[in-house]
PDB file of N, CA and C in Angstrom:
ATOM      1  N   MET A   1      31.069 -48.855-129.569  1.00  0.00           N
ATOM      2  CA  MET A   1      30.843 -47.204-129.712  1.00  0.00           C
ATOM      3  C   MET A   1      29.980 -47.497-130.565  1.00  0.00           C
ATOM      4  N   TYR A   2      30.485 -46.581-132.002  1.00  0.00           N
ATOM      5  CA  TYR A   2      29.573 -46.640-133.169  1.00  0.00           C
ATOM      6  C   TYR A   2      29.993 -47.718-133.895  1.00  0.00           C
ATOM      7  N   LYS A   3      29.508 -48.593-134.814  1.00  0.00           N
ATOM      8  CA  LYS A   3      29.544 -49.617-135.610  1.00  0.00           C
ATOM      9  C   LYS A   3      29.627 -48.576-136.875  1.00  0.00           C
ATOM     10  N   VAL A   4      31.280 -48.673-137.602  1.00  0.00           N
ATOM     11  CA  VAL A   4      31.226 -48.101-138.814  1.00  0.00           C
ATOM     12  C   VAL A   4      31.851 -48.939-139.668  1.00  0.00           C
ATOM     13  N   ASP A   5      30.731 -48.933-141.062  1.00  0.00           N
ATOM     14  CA  ASP A   5      31.293 -50.036-141.751  1.00  0.00           C
ATOM     15  C   ASP A   5      31.967 -49.551-142.903  1.00  0.00           C
ATOM     16  N   LEU A   6      33.562 -49.893-142.591  1.00  0.00           N
ATOM     17  CA  LEU A   6      34.546 -49.541-143.375  1.00  0.00           C
ATOM     18  C   LEU A   6      34.679 -50.446-144.750  1.00  0.00           C
ATOM     19  N   PRO A   7      35.229 -50.067-145.796  1.00  0.00           N
ATOM     20  CA  PRO A   7      35.171 -50.604-147.042  1.00  0.00           C
ATOM     21  C   PRO A   7      36.546 -51.616-146.345  1.00  0.00           C
ATOM     22  N   ILE A   8      36.460 -52.924-146.816  1.00  0.00           N
ATOM     23  CA  ILE A   8      37.417 -53.967-146.791  1.00  0.00           C
ATOM     24  C   ILE A   8      38.260 -53.741-147.600  1.00  0.00           C
ATOM     25  N   ASP A   9      39.728 -53.813-147.683  1.00  0.00           N
ATOM     26  CA  ASP A   9      40.872 -54.053-147.948  1.00  0.00           C
ATOM     27  C   ASP A   9      41.066 -54.835-148.980  1.00  0.00           C
ATOM     28  N   GLN A  10      40.478 -54.672-150.371  1.00  0.00           N
ATOM     29  CA  GLN A  10      40.519 -55.889-151.194  1.00  0.00           C
ATOM     30  C   GLN A  10      41.870 -56.360-151.774  1.00  0.00           C
ATOM     31  N   SER A  11      42.956 -55.585-151.238  1.00  0.00           N
ATOM     32  CA  SER A  11      44.557 -56.173-151.777  1.00  0.00           C
ATOM     33  C   SER A  11      45.000 -57.093-150.869  1.00  0.00           C
ATOM     34  N   ILE A  12      44.542 -57.229-149.428  1.00  0.00           N
ATOM     35  CA  ILE A  12      45.305 -58.205-148.943  1.00  0.00           C
ATOM     36  C   ILE A  12      44.100 -59.448-149.360  1.00  0.00           C
ATOM     37  N   GLU A  13      42.936 -59.470-149.444  1.00  0.00           N
ATOM     38  CA  GLU A  13      42.334 -60.797-150.064  1.00  0.00           C
ATOM     39  C   GLU A  13      42.425 -61.324-151.557  1.00  0.00           C
ATOM     40  N   ASN A  14      42.926 -60.261-152.127  1.00  0.00           N
ATOM     41  CA  ASN A  14      43.528 -60.346-153.577  1.00  0.00           C
ATOM     42  C   ASN A  14      45.223 -61.317-153.537  1.00  0.00           C
ATOM     43  N   ALA A  15      45.729 -61.036-152.593  1.00  0.00           N
ATOM     44  CA  ALA A  15      46.617 -61.582-152.285  1.00  0.00           C
ATOM     45  C   ALA A  15      46.835 -63.139-151.942  1.00  0.00           C
ATOM     46  N   VAL A  16      45.937 -63.099-150.965  1.00  0.00           N
ATOM     47  CA  VAL A  16      45.784 -64.496-150.378  1.00  0.00           C
ATOM     48  C   VAL A  16      45.393 -65.459-151.397  1.00  0.00           C
ATOM     49  N   GLU A  17      44.253 -64.635-152.521  1.00  0.00           N
ATOM     50  CA  GLU A  17      43.727 -65.508-153.327  1.00  0.00           C
ATOM     51  C   GLU A  17      44.555 -65.989-154.168  1.00  0.00           C
ATOM     52  N   ARG A  18      45.463 -65.049-154.568  1.00  0.00           N
ATOM     53  CA  ARG A  18      46.615 -65.209-155.740  1.00  0.00           C
ATOM     54  C   ARG A  18      47.395 -66.501-155.132  1.00  0.00           C
ATOM     55  N   ARG A  19      47.889 -66.522-153.872  1.00  0.00           N
ATOM     56  CA  ARG A  19      48.678 -67.503-153.173  1.00  0.00           C
ATOM     57  C   ARG A  19      48.259 -68.847-153.638  1.00  0.00           C
ATOM     58  N   ARG A  20      46.774 -68.907-152.925  1.00  0.00           N
ATOM     59  CA  ARG A  20      46.186 -69.921-152.801  1.00  0.00           C
ATOM     60  C   ARG A  20      46.166 -70.568-154.511  1.00  0.00           C
ATOM     61  N   SER A  21      45.994 -69.756-155.276  1.00  0.00           N
ATOM     62  CA  SER A  21      45.844 -70.286-156.551  1.00  0.00           C
ATOM     63  C   SER A  21      46.938 -70.753-157.080  1.00  0.00           C
ATOM     64  N   ALA A  22      48.115 -69.948-156.516  1.00  0.00           N
ATOM     65  CA  ALA A  22      49.351 -70.544-157.093  1.00  0.00           C
ATOM     66  C   ALA A  22      50.059 -72.095-156.464  1.00  0.00           C
ATOM     67  N   GLU A  23      49.422 -71.971-155.372  1.00  0.00           N
ATOM     68  CA  GLU A  23      49.658 -73.348-154.514  1.00  0.00           C
ATOM     69  C   GLU A  23      49.056 -74.218-155.092  1.00  0.00           C
ATOM     70  N   THR A  24      47.368 -74.275-155.778  1.00  0.00           N
ATOM     71  CA  THR A  24      46.867 -74.997-156.131  1.00  0.00           C
ATOM     72  C   THR A  24      47.510 -75.681-157.639  1.00  0.00           C
ATOM     73  N   GLU A  25      48.426 -74.636-158.446  1.00  0.00           N
ATOM     74  CA  GLU A  25      48.528 -75.223-159.334  1.00  0.00           C
ATOM     75  C   GLU A  25      49.878 -75.746-159.485  1.00  0.00           C
ATOM     76  N   ARG A  26      50.413 -75.333-158.466  1.00  0.00           N
ATOM     77  CA  ARG A  26      51.998 -76.135-157.930  1.00  0.00           C
ATOM     78  C   ARG A  26      51.540 -77.290-157.941  1.00  0.00           C
ATOM     79  N   LYS A  27      50.415 -77.697-156.991  1.00  0.00           N
ATOM     80  CA  LYS A  27      50.015 -79.232-156.695  1.00  0.00           C
ATOM     81  C   LYS A  27      49.810 -79.913-157.803  1.00  0.00           C
ATOM     82  N   ALA A  28      48.922 -79.248-158.387  1.00  0.00           N
ATOM     83  CA  ALA A  28      48.447 -79.933-159.868  1.00  0.00           C
ATOM     84  C   ALA A  28      49.820 -80.075-160.960  1.00  0.00           C
ATOM     85  N   ARG A  29      50.716 -79.381-160.894  1.00  0.00           N
ATOM     86  CA  ARG A  29      51.740 -79.783-161.506  1.00  0.00           C
ATOM     87  C   ARG A  29      52.439 -80.849-160.880  1.00  0.00           C
ATOM     88  N   THR A  30      52.647 -80.927-159.706  1.00  0.00           N
ATOM     89  CA  THR A  30      53.935 -81.500-159.025  1.00  0.00           C
ATOM     90  C   THR A  30      52.834 -83.003-158.591  1.00  0.00           C
ATOM     91  N   PHE A  31      52.236 -83.059-158.620  1.00  0.00           N
ATOM     92  CA  PHE A  31      51.351 -84.160-158.267  1.00  0.00           C
ATOM     93  C   PHE A  31      50.479 -85.145-159.304  1.00  0.00           C
ATOM     94  N   ASN A  32      50.954 -84.301-160.695  1.00  0.00           N
ATOM     95  CA  ASN A  32      50.301 -84.999-161.514  1.00  0.00           C
ATOM     96  C   ASN A  32      51.329 -85.736-162.346  1.00  0.00           C
ATOM     97  N   THR A  33      51.079 -87.321-162.039  1.00  0.00           N
ATOM     98  CA  THR A  33      51.729 -88.292-162.598  1.00  0.00           C
ATOM     99  C   THR A  33      52.653 -88.282-164.173  1.00  0.00           C
ATOM    100  N   ARG A  34      51.786 -87.498-164.812  1.00  0.00           N
ATOM    101  CA  ARG A  34      52.167 -87.560-166.415  1.00  0.00           C
ATOM    102  C   ARG A  34      53.324 -86.281-166.428  1.00  0.00           C
ATOM    103  N   LEU A  35      53.261 -85.717-165.606  1.00  0.00           N
ATOM    104  CA  LEU A  35      54.207 -84.467-165.925  1.00  0.00           C
ATOM    105  C   LEU A  35      55.384 -84.480-165.098  1.00  0.00           C
ATOM    106  N   ARG A  36      54.848 -85.368-163.937  1.00  0.00           N
ATOM    107  CA  ARG A  36      56.153 -85.597-162.673  1.00  0.00           C
ATOM    108  C   ARG A  36      57.088 -86.498-163.119  1.00  0.00           C
ATOM    109  N   VAL A  37      58.098 -86.375-163.470  1.00  0.00           N
ATOM    110  CA  VAL A  37      59.343 -87.383-163.303  1.00  0.00           C
ATOM    111  C   VAL A  37      60.595 -87.375-161.985  1.00  0.00           C
ATOM    112  N   MET A  38      60.015 -88.371-160.949  1.00  0.00           N
ATOM    113  CA  MET A  38      60.899 -88.127-159.853  1.00  0.00           C
ATOM    114  C   MET A  38      60.657 -87.192-158.870  1.00  0.00           C
ATOM    115  N   GLY A  39      59.272 -86.625-159.083  1.00  0.00           N
ATOM    116  CA  GLY A  39      58.898 -85.508-158.186  1.00  0.00           C
ATOM    117  C   GLY A  39      59.590 -84.047-158.520  1.00  0.00           C
ATOM    118  N   LEU A  40      59.966 -84.083-160.057  1.00  0.00           N
ATOM    119  CA  LEU A  40      60.429 -82.707-160.429  1.00  0.00           C
ATOM    120  C   LEU A  40      59.465 -81.729-161.210  1.00  0.00           C
ATOM    121  N   ASP A  41      59.344 -80.548-160.772  1.00  0.00           N
ATOM    122  CA  ASP A  41      58.404 -79.881-161.546  1.00  0.00           C
ATOM    123  C   ASP A  41      58.905 -79.255-162.543  1.00  0.00           C
ATOM    124  N   VAL A  42      58.812 -80.030-163.759  1.00  0.00           N
ATOM    125  CA  VAL A  42      59.456 -80.023-165.305  1.00  0.00           C
ATOM    126  C   VAL A  42      58.871 -78.361-165.758  1.00  0.00           C
ATOM    127  N   SER A  43      58.225 -78.102-165.466  1.00  0.00           N
ATOM    128  CA  SER A  43      57.715 -76.711-166.219  1.00  0.00           C
ATOM    129  C   SER A  43      58.638 -75.605-165.419  1.00  0.00           C
ATOM    130  N   ALA A  44      58.467 -75.670-163.840  1.00  0.00           N
ATOM    131  CA  ALA A  44      59.431 -74.750-163.279  1.00  0.00           C
ATOM    132  C   ALA A  44      60.763 -74.938-163.700  1.00  0.00           C
ATOM    133  N   LEU A  45      61.227 -76.062-164.036  1.00  0.00           N
ATOM    134  CA  LEU A  45      62.488 -76.323-164.250  1.00  0.00           C
ATOM    135  C   LEU A  45      62.897 -75.743-165.641  1.00  0.00           C
ATOM    136  N   ASP A  46      61.781 -76.167-166.640  1.00  0.00           N
ATOM    137  CA  ASP A  46      62.010 -75.307-167.786  1.00  0.00           C
ATOM    138  C   ASP A  46      61.665 -74.290-167.879  1.00  0.00           C
ATOM    139  N   GLN A  47      61.078 -73.328-167.157  1.00  0.00           N
ATOM    140  CA  GLN A  47      61.149 -71.848-166.774  1.00  0.00           C
ATOM    141  C   GLN A  47      62.651 -71.424-166.079  1.00  0.00           C
ATOM    142  N   GLN A  48      63.080 -71.979-165.538  1.00  0.00           N
ATOM    143  CA  GLN A  48      64.158 -71.434-165.170  1.00  0.00           C
ATOM    144  C   GLN A  48      65.454 -71.773-166.059  1.00  0.00           C
ATOM    145  N   VAL A  49      65.160 -72.534-166.969  1.00  0.00           N
ATOM    146  CA  VAL A  49      66.166 -72.548-168.217  1.00  0.00           C
ATOM    147  C   VAL A  49      65.851 -71.590-168.928  1.00  0.00           C
ATOM    148  N   GLN A  50      64.752 -71.433-169.263  1.00  0.00           N
ATOM    149  CA  GLN A  50      64.551 -70.583-170.262  1.00  0.00           C
ATOM    150  C   GLN A  50      65.062 -69.047-169.527  1.00  0.00           C
ATOM    151  N   LYS A  51      64.903 -68.855-168.461  1.00  0.00           N
ATOM    152  CA  LYS A  51      65.301 -67.455-167.665  1.00  0.00           C
ATOM    153  C   LYS A  51      66.989 -67.344-167.612  1.00  0.00           C
ATOM    154  N   LYS A  52      67.724 -68.540-167.644  1.00  0.00           N
ATOM    155  CA  LYS A  52      68.742 -68.487-167.461  1.00  0.00           C
ATOM    156  C   LYS A  52      69.742 -68.114-168.875  1.00  0.00           C
ATOM    157  N   LYS A  53      69.178 -68.833-170.104  1.00  0.00           N
ATOM    158  CA  LYS A  53      69.289 -68.843-171.590  1.00  0.00           C
ATOM    159  C   LYS A  53      69.086 -67.002-171.748  1.00  0.00           C
ATOM    160  N   HIS A  54      67.814 -66.557-171.222  1.00  0.00           N
ATOM    161  CA  HIS A  54      67.682 -65.119-171.441  1.00  0.00           C
ATOM    162  C   HIS A  54      68.571 -64.241-170.656  1.00  0.00           C
ATOM    163  N   GLN A  55      68.935 -64.549-169.420  1.00  0.00           N
ATOM    164  CA  GLN A  55      70.035 -63.780-169.008  1.00  0.00           C
ATOM    165  C   GLN A  55      71.032 -64.053-169.920  1.00  0.00           C
ATOM    166  N   GLN A  56      71.763 -65.186-170.220  1.00  0.00           N
ATOM    167  CA  GLN A  56      72.877 -65.088-170.882  1.00  0.00           C
ATOM    168  C   GLN A  56      72.728 -64.615-172.029  1.00  0.00           C
ATOM    169  N   ASN A  57      71.923 -64.631-173.045  1.00  0.00           N
ATOM    170  CA  ASN A  57      71.810 -63.407-174.286  1.00  0.00           C
ATOM    171  C   ASN A  57      71.975 -62.131-173.911  1.00  0.00           C
ATOM    172  N   ILE A  58      71.177 -61.475-172.774  1.00  0.00           N
ATOM    173  CA  ILE A  58      71.525 -60.470-172.604  1.00  0.00           C
ATOM    174  C   ILE A  58      72.961 -60.011-172.208  1.00  0.00           C
ATOM    175  N   GLU A  59      73.886 -60.621-171.473  1.00  0.00           N
ATOM    176  CA  GLU A  59      75.140 -60.395-171.142  1.00  0.00           C
ATOM    177  C   GLU A  59      75.704 -60.847-172.262  1.00  0.00           C
ATOM    178  N   ILE A  60      75.614 -61.163-173.381  1.00  0.00           N
ATOM    179  CA  ILE A  60      76.147 -61.558-174.776  1.00  0.00           C
ATOM    180  C   ILE A  60      76.198 -60.542-175.150  1.00  0.00           C
ATOM    181  N   GLN A  61      74.999 -59.736-175.424  1.00  0.00           N
ATOM    182  CA  GLN A  61      74.746 -58.507-176.272  1.00  0.00           C
ATOM    183  C   GLN A  61      75.129 -57.124-175.295  1.00  0.00           C
ATOM    184  N   ARG A  62      75.321 -57.585-174.182  1.00  0.00           N
ATOM    185  CA  ARG A  62      75.766 -56.016-173.082  1.00  0.00           C
ATOM    186  C   ARG A  62      77.429 -56.204-173.471  1.00  0.00           C
ATOM    187  N   ASP A  63      78.082 -57.548-173.910  1.00  0.00           N
ATOM    188  CA  ASP A  63      79.522 -57.488-174.083  1.00  0.00           C
ATOM    189  C   ASP A  63      79.774 -57.039-175.223  1.00  0.00           C
ATOM    190  N   LYS A  64      78.776 -57.602-176.361  1.00  0.00           N
ATOM    191  CA  LYS A  64      79.112 -56.944-177.731  1.00  0.00           C
ATOM    192  C   LYS A  64      79.146 -55.679-177.721  1.00  0.00           C
ATOM    193  N   ALA A  65      77.835 -54.794-177.188  1.00  0.00           N
ATOM    194  CA  ALA A  65      78.039 -53.594-177.178  1.00  0.00           C
ATOM    195  C   ALA A  65      79.318 -52.715-176.446  1.00  0.00           C
ATOM    196  N   PHE A  66      80.033 -53.297-175.271  1.00  0.00           N
ATOM    197  CA  PHE A  66      81.061 -53.014-174.800  1.00  0.00           C
ATOM    198  C   PHE A  66      82.199 -53.102-175.658  1.00  0.00           C
ATOM    199  N   ASP A  67      82.171 -53.699-176.329  1.00  0.00           N
ATOM    200  CA  ASP A  67      83.094 -54.511-177.349  1.00  0.00           C
ATOM    201  C   ASP A  67      83.150 -53.387-178.529  1.00  0.00           C
ATOM    202  N   LYS A  68      82.228 -53.159-178.986  1.00  0.00           N
ATOM    203  CA  LYS A  68      82.027 -51.955-180.300  1.00  0.00           C
ATOM    204  C   LYS A  68      82.323 -50.629-179.601  1.00  0.00           C
ATOM    205  N   LEU A  69      81.792 -50.008-177.946  1.00  0.00           N
ATOM    206  CA  LEU A  69      81.994 -49.058-177.740  1.00  0.00           C
ATOM    207  C   LEU A  69      83.760 -48.906-177.319  1.00  0.00           C
ATOM    208  N   ARG A  70      84.289 -50.006-177.002  1.00  0.00           N
ATOM    209  CA  ARG A  70      85.873 -50.117-176.884  1.00  0.00           C
ATOM    210  C   ARG A  70      86.452 -49.715-178.285  1.00  0.00           C
ATOM    211  N   GLU A  71      85.955 -50.307-179.115  1.00  0.00           N
ATOM    212  CA  GLU A  71      86.787 -50.424-180.385  1.00  0.00           C
ATOM    213  C   GLU A  71      86.760 -48.718-180.982  1.00  0.00           C
ATOM    214  N   TYR A  72      85.406 -48.306-180.961  1.00  0.00           N
ATOM    215  CA  TYR A  72      85.428 -47.053-181.144  1.00  0.00           C
ATOM    216  C   TYR A  72      86.343 -45.904-180.396  1.00  0.00           C
ATOM    217  N   HIS A  73      86.182 -45.943-179.129  1.00  0.00           N
ATOM    218  CA  HIS A  73      87.232 -45.366-178.414  1.00  0.00           C
ATOM    219  C   HIS A  73      88.483 -45.357-178.605  1.00  0.00           C
ATOM    220  N   ASP A  74      88.950 -46.604-178.828  1.00  0.00           N
ATOM    221  CA  ASP A  74      89.941 -46.627-179.316  1.00  0.00           C
ATOM    222  C   ASP A  74      90.722 -45.959-180.796  1.00  0.00           C
ATOM    223  N   GLU A  75      89.569 -46.265-181.874  1.00  0.00           N
ATOM    224  CA  GLU A  75      90.198 -45.785-182.865  1.00  0.00           C
ATOM    225  C   GLU A  75      90.008 -44.102-182.565  1.00  0.00           C
ATOM    226  N   ALA A  76      89.200 -43.795-181.997  1.00  0.00           N
ATOM    227  CA  ALA A  76      89.055 -42.102-181.681  1.00  0.00           C
ATOM    228  C   ALA A  76      90.542 -41.605-181.164  1.00  0.00           C
ATOM    229  N   LEU A  77      90.703 -41.816-180.223  1.00  0.00           N
ATOM    230  CA  LEU A  77      92.143 -41.881-179.402  1.00  0.00           C
ATOM    231  C   LEU A  77      93.251 -42.005-180.529  1.00  0.00           C
ATOM    232  N   LEU A  78      93.567 -43.460-181.175  1.00  0.00           N
ATOM    233  CA  LEU A  78      94.243 -43.263-182.021  1.00  0.00           C
ATOM    234  C   LEU A  78      94.497 -42.273-183.138  1.00  0.00           C
ATOM    235  N   GLN A  79      93.101 -41.607-183.897  1.00  0.00           N
ATOM    236  CA  GLN A  79      92.955 -40.710-184.538  1.00  0.00           C
ATOM    237  C   GLN A  79      93.349 -39.068-184.100  1.00  0.00           C
ATOM    238  N   GLN A  80      93.141 -39.258-182.548  1.00  0.00           N
ATOM    239  CA  GLN A  80      93.330 -38.125-181.627  1.00  0.00           C
ATOM    240  C   GLN A  80      95.046 -37.979-181.866  1.00  0.00           C
ATOM    241  N   ASP A  81      95.941 -39.204-181.533  1.00  0.00           N
ATOM    242  CA  ASP A  81      96.802 -39.313-181.804  1.00  0.00           C
ATOM    243  C   ASP A  81      97.708 -39.034-183.044  1.00  0.00           C
ATOM    244  N   ILE A  82      96.999 -39.227-183.989  1.00  0.00           N
ATOM    245  CA  ILE A  82      97.662 -39.090-185.591  1.00  0.00           C
ATOM    246  C   ILE A  82      97.689 -37.405-185.841  1.00  0.00           C
ATOM    247  N   ASP A  83      96.559 -36.964-185.477  1.00  0.00           N
ATOM    248  CA  ASP A  83      96.195 -35.646-185.498  1.00  0.00           C
ATOM    249  C   ASP A  83      97.095 -34.284-184.925  1.00  0.00           C
ATOM    250  N   GLU A  84      97.421 -35.286-183.552  1.00  0.00           N
ATOM    251  CA  GLU A  84      98.484 -34.534-182.771  1.00  0.00           C
ATOM    252  C   GLU A  84      99.678 -34.644-183.071  1.00  0.00           C
ATOM    253  N   LYS A  85     100.322 -35.715-183.758  1.00  0.00           N
ATOM    254  CA  LYS A  85     101.287 -35.764-184.665  1.00  0.00           C
ATOM    255  C   LYS A  85     101.795 -35.013-185.358  1.00  0.00           C
ATOM    256  N   GLU A  86     100.482 -34.825-186.380  1.00  0.00           N
ATOM    257  CA  GLU A  86     100.589 -34.017-187.579  1.00  0.00           C
ATOM    258  C   GLU A  86     100.714 -32.563-187.248  1.00  0.00           C
ATOM    259  N   LYS A  87      99.762 -32.266-186.191  1.00  0.00           N
ATOM    260  CA  LYS A  87      99.985 -30.839-185.700  1.00  0.00           C
ATOM    261  C   LYS A  87     101.606 -30.276-185.319  1.00  0.00           C
ATOM    262  N   GLN A  88     102.271 -31.517-184.697  1.00  0.00           N
ATOM    263  CA  GLN A  88     103.888 -31.395-183.984  1.00  0.00           C
ATOM    264  C   GLN A  88     104.350 -30.830-185.598  1.00  0.00           C
ATOM    265  N   ASP A  89     104.240 -32.378-186.629  1.00  0.00           N
ATOM    266  CA  ASP A  89     105.123 -32.058-187.499  1.00  0.00           C
ATOM    267  C   ASP A  89     105.057 -30.765-188.385  1.00  0.00           C
ATOM    268  N   THR A  90     103.784 -30.082-188.346  1.00  0.00           N
ATOM    269  CA  THR A  90     103.434 -29.045-189.634  1.00  0.00           C
ATOM    270  C   THR A  90     104.381 -27.859-188.554  1.00  0.00           C
ATOM    271  N   LEU A  91     103.892 -27.773-186.866  1.00  0.00           N
ATOM    272  CA  LEU A  91     104.769 -26.801-186.210  1.00  0.00           C
ATOM    273  C   LEU A  91     106.222 -26.615-186.288  1.00  0.00           C
ATOM    274  N   GLN A  92     106.710 -28.141-186.468  1.00  0.00           N
ATOM    275  CA  GLN A  92     108.413 -28.321-186.525  1.00  0.00           C
ATOM    276  C   GLN A  92     108.559 -27.594-187.867  1.00  0.00           C
ATOM    277  N   ALA A  93     107.969 -28.227-188.580  1.00  0.00           N
ATOM    278  CA  ALA A  93     108.081 -28.034-190.363  1.00  0.00           C
ATOM    279  C   ALA A  93     108.101 -26.339-190.142  1.00  0.00           C
ATOM    280  N   GLU A  94     107.098 -25.580-190.074  1.00  0.00           N
ATOM    281  CA  GLU A  94     107.585 -24.119-189.841  1.00  0.00           C
ATOM    282  C   GLU A  94     108.344 -23.258-189.279  1.00  0.00           C
ATOM    283  N   LEU A  95     108.862 -24.155-187.711  1.00  0.00           N
ATOM    284  CA  LEU A  95     109.557 -23.633-187.225  1.00  0.00           C
ATOM    285  C   LEU A  95     110.845 -23.489-187.704  1.00  0.00           C
ATOM    286  N   THR A  96     111.350 -24.619-188.305  1.00  0.00           N
ATOM    287  CA  THR A  96     112.241 -25.137-189.063  1.00  0.00           C
ATOM    288  C   THR A  96     112.480 -23.949-190.255  1.00  0.00           C
ATOM    289  N   GLN A  97     111.768 -23.772-191.207  1.00  0.00           N
ATOM    290  CA  GLN A  97     111.583 -22.908-191.859  1.00  0.00           C
ATOM    291  C   GLN A  97     111.785 -21.497-191.495  1.00  0.00           C
ATOM    292  N   TYR A  98     111.103 -20.809-190.197  1.00  0.00           N
ATOM    293  CA  TYR A  98     111.346 -19.721-189.748  1.00  0.00           C
ATOM    294  C   TYR A  98     112.516 -19.435-189.531  1.00  0.00           C
ATOM    295  N   TRP A  99     113.103 -20.537-188.523  1.00  0.00           N
ATOM    296  CA  TRP A  99     114.772 -20.335-188.473  1.00  0.00           C
ATOM    297  C   TRP A  99     115.655 -20.249-189.775  1.00  0.00           C
ATOM    298  N   ALA A 100     115.185 -20.839-190.737  1.00  0.00           N
ATOM    299  CA  ALA A 100     115.926 -20.564-191.945  1.00  0.00           C
ATOM    300  C   ALA A 100     116.027 -19.232-192.578  1.00  0.00           C
ATOM    301  N   LEU A 101     114.727 -18.382-192.284  1.00  0.00           N
ATOM    302  CA  LEU A 101     114.714 -17.097-193.025  1.00  0.00           C
ATOM    303  C   LEU A 101     115.510 -16.515-191.904  1.00  0.00           C
ATOM    304  N   ILE A 102     115.475 -16.716-190.866  1.00  0.00           N
ATOM    305  CA  ILE A 102     116.355 -15.494-189.677  1.00  0.00           C
ATOM    306  C   ILE A 102     117.718 -15.726-189.892  1.00  0.00           C
ATOM    307  N   SER A 103     118.092 -17.031-189.939  1.00  0.00           N
ATOM    308  CA  SER A 103     119.711 -17.281-190.455  1.00  0.00           C
ATOM    309  C   SER A 103     120.231 -16.750-191.709  1.00  0.00           C
ATOM    310  N   VAL A 104     119.273 -16.472-192.494  1.00  0.00           N
ATOM    311  CA  VAL A 104     120.270 -15.903-194.009  1.00  0.00           C
ATOM    312  C   VAL A 104     120.315 -14.421-193.947  1.00  0.00           C
TER     313      VAL A 104
END
């Protein structure tokens, strides 16, 4: 019927072009005899190693943060126990003093 010129969705073309360029870069790295060692993609392996080390560092930092938080809570609970014991001791001393005054 009517021919309408609608704008073409560039995102699909951009995605296809990105995939093509990534594939050509991969082929250039893979088939480059100077960079290739027995068919391995050395730069990709290096990236994987860097990501793994980065992830391990993040986990170590998270564990340290949890340890600090655990120590803080332990100290807070210990201080709370000490305060509670002091209150009980004070109350017991006051009660003993009150009984002494009444019995006299």
